[in-house]
Amino acid sequence: MKTTQRGRKKIFTFILVAIAFSACKTDLVYMNIMEPAPVSMPPGIKTIGVINRSIASEETKKINVLDEVLSAEGPQLDKEGAKESINGLRDELLTNDRFTEVILLDDLNLTTTGAGVFPSALPWDVVEQICTQNHVDAIFSLEIFDTDTKVSYGNVPVKINTPLGTIPAIEHHATMITHVKTGWRIYDPFGKMILDEHAINKSLTFTGKGINPAVAAAGLIGRKDAVKQTANNVGHEYANGLLPYRIRVRREYYVKGSNNFVIAKRRAQTGNWDSAAELWKQETTNKKNSVAGMACYNMAIINEINGELDEAITWAQKSYEDYNNKLALEYVRILRNRKARAETLKRQGEY
């Protein structure tokens, strides 16, 4: 039997109404939750040694000299930038109670043959010797620090106002792009493990303009300080990436289904979540399966808000298994994943 155009419109309208009704049955709650650090450090690591292994060996220096000429780099820029990056790392690590001491080991005279790429890892006997002699539990190593700069020139026709009138002229433009490449490793001598290997790259663009190339190039004068500041920021960024962090998540919860749900919504909106949960708890025995399922789901929400993840999982499972609440099935997965991350966070000593 064919469906008429009017019939199709009615079906479409019914679907829209059903979707709208379904959507307005829930509201959103936002939570800030702690996530574990991307890198788990063994609990015995309290004292950190920081080393600079990015200094070029004599063999690499010959290559770097040519690179400096071609890319207009100052001979000290990589060295000073590496120092700033290490300072940024140390300063950020010292703000966290995870480590009791962060020591700069700047007299080791370590070098690398890598030109902007990770060199081979330090031998473990060398790592152990450094840790033993300096009484540190692990090593944070700056393995790469390299700047690569390209300069381009161009000119643009302009008009200049002079006492004799407006005359055509050529304005010179200089553009300099500097790529800052960094790479870090963390060595655990006792477990003989590289706990992390991570690269962070940044790009800086500088421009200048003037009546001749020399004046245009003068506009690039602040490049060195900008590179050093970027290097320092990279050190902070890497250290921050090793610490637990907070994220904001949102969850749906039911606000319609019975009069208790409507009242509970108003209580939740004023922050009175525990009082809202009292009404949801009453509805978990509602004769209507759909209402009971929504109430069980909301009980999972309040338990997650209160940090009771096991209880939250139990309620979410009940909502799906006993009452076929589809939203609860996905929520069970979310809660289990969060519980696994919470256990990692607890092992990291930050839960």
Protein backbone atom coordinates (compact mmCIF):
# COMPACT_ATOMS: atom_id res chain seq x y z
CA MET A 1 0.00 0.00 0.00
CA LYS A 2 1.40 3.38 -1.05
CA THR A 3 1.88 6.13 1.49
CA THR A 4 0.36 9.45 0.41
CA GLN A 5 2.30 12.71 0.60
CA ARG A 6 0.04 13.87 3.43
CA GLY A 7 0.69 10.56 5.21
CA ARG A 8 4.43 10.95 4.84
CA LYS A 9 4.18 14.45 6.33
CA LYS A 10 2.27 13.07 9.33
CA ILE A 11 4.87 10.37 9.87
CA PHE A 12 7.69 12.91 9.61
CA THR A 13 5.92 15.25 12.07
CA PHE A 14 5.39 12.36 14.48
CA ILE A 15 9.10 11.50 14.33
CA LEU A 16 10.06 15.11 15.04
CA VAL A 17 7.68 15.27 17.99
CA ALA A 18 9.02 11.97 19.34
CA ILE A 19 12.61 13.20 19.05
CA ALA A 20 11.74 16.50 20.73
CA PHE A 21 9.89 14.69 23.52
CA SER A 22 12.81 12.33 24.04
CA ALA A 23 15.32 15.18 24.08
CA CYS A 24 13.43 17.24 26.65
CA LYS A 25 13.25 14.27 29.04
CA THR A 26 16.90 14.81 29.96
CA ASP A 27 19.08 17.66 31.13
CA LEU A 28 22.85 18.04 31.45
CA VAL A 29 25.13 18.12 34.46
CA TYR A 30 28.80 19.09 34.20
CA MET A 31 31.57 17.62 36.35
CA ASN A 32 35.27 18.29 36.75
CA ILE A 33 37.16 15.01 37.04
CA MET A 34 40.83 14.25 37.53
CA GLU A 35 42.59 12.29 34.80
CA PRO A 36 45.82 10.33 35.41
CA ALA A 37 49.12 11.61 34.09
CA PRO A 38 49.96 10.25 30.63
CA VAL A 39 53.20 8.86 32.07
CA SER A 40 53.10 6.77 35.25
CA MET A 41 56.16 7.23 37.42
CA PRO A 42 57.13 4.48 39.88
CA PRO A 43 56.32 5.64 43.44
CA GLY A 44 59.97 5.35 44.52
CA ILE A 45 61.07 8.14 42.17
CA LYS A 46 61.29 11.27 44.30
CA THR A 47 64.55 12.96 43.33
CA ILE A 48 65.00 13.94 39.69
CA GLY A 49 68.17 14.72 37.76
CA VAL A 50 67.83 16.87 34.64
CA ILE A 51 70.48 16.65 31.94
CA ASN A 52 71.12 18.33 28.60
CA ARG A 53 72.11 15.80 25.98
CA SER A 54 71.28 18.02 23.00
CA ILE A 55 74.76 19.56 22.71
CA ALA A 56 76.27 18.68 19.34
CA SER A 57 79.34 16.44 19.23
CA GLU A 58 82.44 17.64 17.35
CA GLU A 59 81.38 15.64 14.30
CA THR A 60 77.90 17.12 14.35
CA LYS A 61 79.23 20.64 14.93
CA LYS A 62 80.79 20.61 11.47
CA ILE A 63 77.36 19.98 10.04
CA ASN A 64 75.77 22.56 12.32
CA VAL A 65 78.20 25.30 11.29
CA LEU A 66 77.00 24.97 7.71
CA ASP A 67 73.41 24.85 8.89
CA GLU A 68 73.89 28.05 10.89
CA VAL A 69 75.21 29.88 7.86
CA LEU A 70 72.43 28.67 5.59
CA SER A 71 69.63 29.32 8.09
CA ALA A 72 70.98 32.54 9.62
CA GLU A 73 71.20 31.04 13.12
CA GLY A 74 73.33 32.54 15.85
CA PRO A 75 76.02 30.11 17.08
CA GLN A 76 74.73 30.28 20.65
CA LEU A 77 71.01 30.10 19.95
CA ASP A 78 70.59 26.32 20.32
CA LYS A 79 72.75 26.28 23.45
CA GLU A 80 70.87 29.14 25.11
CA GLY A 81 67.50 27.77 23.99
CA ALA A 82 68.27 24.33 25.44
CA LYS A 83 69.22 25.93 28.75
CA GLU A 84 65.92 27.85 28.83
CA SER A 85 63.94 24.71 28.05
CA ILE A 86 65.58 22.84 30.92
CA ASN A 87 64.96 25.76 33.27
CA GLY A 88 61.28 25.74 32.29
CA LEU A 89 61.04 22.00 32.95
CA ARG A 90 62.72 22.30 36.35
CA ASP A 91 60.59 25.26 37.45
CA GLU A 92 57.38 23.46 36.57
CA LEU A 93 58.38 20.18 38.24
CA LEU A 94 59.24 22.06 41.43
CA THR A 95 55.68 23.37 41.69
CA ASN A 96 54.40 19.82 42.17
CA ASP A 97 54.65 17.81 45.40
CA ARG A 98 55.24 14.63 43.41
CA PHE A 99 59.03 15.18 43.52
CA THR A 100 61.04 16.22 46.54
CA GLU A 101 64.02 17.58 44.60
CA VAL A 102 64.90 18.48 41.00
CA ILE A 103 68.63 18.81 40.33
CA LEU A 104 70.23 20.26 37.22
CA LEU A 105 73.20 18.13 36.24
CA ASP A 106 74.97 20.61 33.96
CA ASP A 107 78.56 19.40 34.29
CA LEU A 108 78.28 16.02 32.55
CA ASN A 109 79.48 17.13 29.11
CA LEU A 110 77.08 14.84 27.26
CA THR A 111 76.76 15.23 23.48
CA THR A 112 74.61 13.91 20.67
CA THR A 113 75.10 12.99 17.06
CA GLY A 114 71.44 13.49 16.24
CA ALA A 115 70.62 16.46 14.01
CA GLY A 116 67.06 17.20 15.05
CA VAL A 117 66.19 13.52 15.63
CA PHE A 118 66.30 11.32 18.71
CA PRO A 119 69.76 9.83 19.26
CA SER A 120 70.24 6.29 20.52
CA ALA A 121 69.26 5.94 24.15
CA LEU A 122 71.95 6.31 26.79
CA PRO A 123 73.45 2.95 27.87
CA TRP A 124 72.02 1.76 31.17
CA ASP A 125 75.40 1.57 32.84
CA VAL A 126 75.87 5.29 32.07
CA VAL A 127 72.40 6.08 33.40
CA GLU A 128 73.04 4.11 36.60
CA GLN A 129 76.39 5.80 37.11
CA ILE A 130 74.87 9.28 36.74
CA CYS A 131 72.07 8.45 39.17
CA THR A 132 74.40 6.88 41.75
CA GLN A 133 76.97 9.67 41.68
CA ASN A 134 74.34 12.41 41.93
CA HIS A 135 71.93 10.63 44.29
CA VAL A 136 68.92 10.88 41.98
CA ASP A 137 66.20 8.31 41.28
CA ALA A 138 65.59 9.04 37.59
CA ILE A 139 66.82 11.24 34.76
CA PHE A 140 64.89 13.71 32.65
CA SER A 141 66.99 14.21 29.54
CA LEU A 142 66.67 16.90 26.88
CA GLU A 143 67.75 14.77 23.91
CA ILE A 144 66.94 17.21 21.10
CA PHE A 145 67.11 20.97 20.85
CA ASP A 146 67.43 22.30 17.35
CA THR A 147 66.37 25.50 15.62
CA ASP A 148 65.94 25.71 11.88
CA THR A 149 65.41 29.13 10.33
CA LYS A 150 64.45 30.22 6.85
CA VAL A 151 64.47 33.84 5.68
CA SER A 152 62.66 35.14 2.62
CA TYR A 153 62.63 38.61 1.08
CA GLY A 154 60.10 40.32 -1.15
CA ASN A 155 59.06 43.77 -2.22
CA VAL A 156 55.75 45.53 -2.61
CA PRO A 157 55.04 48.67 -4.65
CA VAL A 158 53.79 51.50 -2.39
CA LYS A 159 53.18 55.23 -2.59
CA ILE A 160 55.05 57.64 -0.30
CA ASN A 161 53.87 61.13 0.61
CA THR A 162 56.67 63.69 0.26
CA PRO A 163 56.81 67.50 0.24
CA LEU A 164 56.88 67.20 -3.54
CA GLY A 165 53.77 65.04 -3.61
CA THR A 166 53.03 61.34 -3.74
CA ILE A 167 55.67 59.26 -5.45
CA PRO A 168 55.88 55.51 -6.19
CA ALA A 169 58.39 53.46 -4.23
CA ILE A 170 59.33 49.91 -3.35
CA GLU A 171 58.84 48.61 0.23
CA HIS A 172 61.01 45.67 1.22
CA HIS A 173 59.53 42.85 3.31
CA ALA A 174 61.51 40.26 5.27
CA THR A 175 59.92 37.09 6.70
CA MET A 176 61.71 34.70 9.02
CA ILE A 177 60.26 31.36 10.11
CA THR A 178 62.03 29.54 12.94
CA HIS A 179 61.18 25.93 13.80
CA VAL A 180 62.09 24.93 17.36
CA LYS A 181 62.46 21.15 17.77
CA THR A 182 62.73 19.54 21.19
CA GLY A 183 62.77 15.93 22.36
CA TRP A 184 62.70 14.49 25.88
CA ARG A 185 63.30 11.13 27.47
CA ILE A 186 62.83 9.88 31.04
CA TYR A 187 65.21 7.14 32.18
CA ASP A 188 64.34 4.84 35.10
CA PRO A 189 67.65 3.15 36.08
CA PHE A 190 66.13 0.64 38.49
CA GLY A 191 63.48 -0.69 36.17
CA LYS A 192 65.83 -0.15 33.20
CA MET A 193 62.94 1.46 31.36
CA ILE A 194 62.51 4.57 29.25
CA LEU A 195 59.34 5.86 30.87
CA ASP A 196 58.66 8.41 28.17
CA GLU A 197 59.94 9.66 24.84
CA HIS A 198 58.23 12.76 23.56
CA ALA A 199 58.89 15.45 20.96
CA ILE A 200 57.46 18.98 21.01
CA ASN A 201 57.85 21.22 17.97
CA LYS A 202 56.96 24.91 17.69
CA SER A 203 57.12 27.40 14.83
CA LEU A 204 57.68 31.15 15.13
CA THR A 205 57.15 33.70 12.37
CA PHE A 206 58.79 37.13 12.35
CA THR A 207 58.24 39.90 9.82
CA GLY A 208 59.85 43.24 9.10
CA LYS A 209 59.47 45.88 6.44
CA GLY A 210 61.28 49.04 5.36
CA ILE A 211 62.58 51.16 2.50
CA ASN A 212 65.52 48.82 1.97
CA PRO A 213 66.44 45.22 2.92
CA ALA A 214 68.57 46.37 5.88
CA VAL A 215 65.69 48.27 7.47
CA ALA A 216 63.33 45.36 6.82
CA ALA A 217 65.73 42.90 8.44
CA ALA A 218 66.02 45.18 11.49
CA GLY A 219 62.43 44.30 12.30
CA LEU A 220 63.51 40.73 13.04
CA ILE A 221 65.78 41.76 15.90
CA GLY A 222 63.66 40.26 18.70
CA ARG A 223 63.87 36.74 17.31
CA LYS A 224 66.49 35.43 19.75
CA ASP A 225 64.52 36.43 22.86
CA ALA A 226 61.34 34.99 21.36
CA VAL A 227 63.03 31.65 20.67
CA LYS A 228 64.38 31.50 24.24
CA GLN A 229 60.94 32.28 25.66
CA THR A 230 59.37 29.60 23.49
CA ALA A 231 62.00 27.12 24.66
CA ASN A 232 61.18 27.93 28.28
CA ASN A 233 57.47 27.49 27.60
CA VAL A 234 58.15 24.09 26.01
CA GLY A 235 59.89 22.96 29.20
CA HIS A 236 56.84 23.97 31.22
CA GLU A 237 54.54 22.29 28.73
CA TYR A 238 56.38 18.97 28.87
CA ALA A 239 56.47 18.96 32.68
CA ASN A 240 52.74 19.76 32.79
CA GLY A 241 52.04 16.85 30.46
CA LEU A 242 53.50 14.47 33.06
CA LEU A 243 51.10 15.51 35.80
CA PRO A 244 47.48 14.53 36.46
CA TYR A 245 45.03 17.03 35.01
CA ARG A 246 41.38 17.97 35.28
CA ILE A 247 38.86 17.78 32.47
CA ARG A 248 35.25 18.91 32.29
CA VAL A 249 32.72 16.26 31.29
CA ARG A 250 28.98 16.31 30.87
CA ARG A 251 26.38 13.72 31.71
CA GLU A 252 22.70 13.42 30.82
CA TYR A 253 20.17 12.78 33.57
CA TYR A 254 16.40 12.38 33.47
CA VAL A 255 14.15 15.26 34.50
CA LYS A 256 10.74 13.90 33.41
CA GLY A 257 8.82 10.69 34.01
CA SER A 258 6.88 11.48 37.17
CA ASN A 259 6.20 14.41 39.46
CA ASN A 260 9.19 13.38 41.59
CA PHE A 261 11.48 13.83 38.59
CA VAL A 262 10.18 17.38 38.06
CA ILE A 263 10.75 18.32 41.69
CA ALA A 264 14.16 16.61 41.70
CA LYS A 265 15.18 18.68 38.69
CA ARG A 266 14.52 21.91 40.60
CA ARG A 267 16.51 20.60 43.56
CA ALA A 268 19.40 19.66 41.28
CA GLN A 269 19.33 23.10 39.66
CA THR A 270 19.97 24.69 43.07
CA GLY A 271 22.84 22.27 43.75
CA ASN A 272 20.84 20.16 46.18
CA TRP A 273 21.77 16.89 44.47
CA ASP A 274 21.51 14.61 47.50
CA SER A 275 17.96 15.79 48.11
CA ALA A 276 17.14 15.17 44.44
CA ALA A 277 18.55 11.67 44.81
CA GLU A 278 16.06 10.94 47.61
CA LEU A 279 13.23 11.40 45.12
CA TRP A 280 14.98 9.35 42.44
CA LYS A 281 15.49 6.55 44.95
CA GLN A 282 11.74 6.44 45.56
CA GLU A 283 11.11 6.03 41.82
CA THR A 284 13.44 3.03 41.47
CA THR A 285 10.50 0.85 42.57
CA ASN A 286 7.98 2.53 40.27
CA LYS A 287 5.59 0.06 38.63
CA LYS A 288 6.41 1.48 35.22
CA ASN A 289 9.60 -0.11 33.98
CA SER A 290 10.59 2.96 31.98
CA VAL A 291 10.31 5.23 35.03
CA ALA A 292 12.17 2.79 37.29
CA GLY A 293 14.91 2.48 34.68
CA MET A 294 15.32 6.25 34.47
CA ALA A 295 15.45 6.48 38.27
CA CYS A 296 18.14 3.81 38.48
CA TYR A 297 20.09 5.65 35.83
CA ASN A 298 19.86 8.90 37.81
CA MET A 299 21.06 7.07 40.91
CA ALA A 300 24.16 6.13 38.93
CA ILE A 301 24.64 9.83 38.13
CA ILE A 302 24.46 10.98 41.75
CA ASN A 303 26.90 8.27 42.81
CA GLU A 304 29.39 9.37 40.16
CA ILE A 305 28.99 12.96 41.34
CA ASN A 306 29.81 11.78 44.87
CA GLY A 307 32.82 9.75 43.67
CA GLU A 308 31.24 6.36 44.38
CA LEU A 309 32.12 4.72 41.07
CA ASP A 310 31.41 1.11 42.06
CA GLU A 311 27.94 2.07 43.27
CA ALA A 312 27.39 4.12 40.11
CA ILE A 313 28.25 1.11 37.94
CA THR A 314 25.85 -1.11 39.91
CA TRP A 315 22.95 1.33 39.41
CA ALA A 316 23.72 1.82 35.70
CA GLN A 317 23.85 -1.95 35.18
CA LYS A 318 20.50 -2.35 36.94
CA SER A 319 18.99 0.37 34.75
CA TYR A 320 19.95 -1.49 31.58
CA GLU A 321 19.73 -5.13 32.67
CA ASP A 322 16.43 -4.91 34.55
CA TYR A 323 14.66 -2.11 32.66
CA ASN A 324 16.36 -1.99 29.23
CA ASN A 325 17.34 1.67 29.52
CA LYS A 326 19.47 2.21 26.41
CA LEU A 327 21.26 5.27 27.77
CA ALA A 328 22.50 3.23 30.70
CA LEU A 329 24.39 0.73 28.53
CA GLU A 330 26.75 3.39 27.19
CA TYR A 331 27.00 4.91 30.68
CA VAL A 332 28.22 1.58 32.09
CA ARG A 333 31.09 1.67 29.60
CA ILE A 334 31.92 5.28 30.50
CA LEU A 335 31.93 4.49 34.21
CA ARG A 336 34.12 1.41 33.82
CA ASN A 337 36.65 3.40 31.81
CA ARG A 338 36.62 6.13 34.42
CA LYS A 339 37.13 3.58 37.19
CA ALA A 340 40.17 2.14 35.39
CA ARG A 341 41.66 5.63 35.05
CA ALA A 342 40.88 6.36 38.69
CA GLU A 343 42.81 3.26 39.74
CA THR A 344 45.78 4.44 37.65
CA LEU A 345 45.45 7.85 39.29
CA LYS A 346 45.46 6.24 42.73
CA ARG A 347 48.67 4.36 41.93
CA GLN A 348 50.17 7.69 40.90
CA GLY A 349 49.43 9.01 44.38
CA GLU A 350 47.15 11.80 43.22
CA TYR A 351 43.65 10.39 43.81
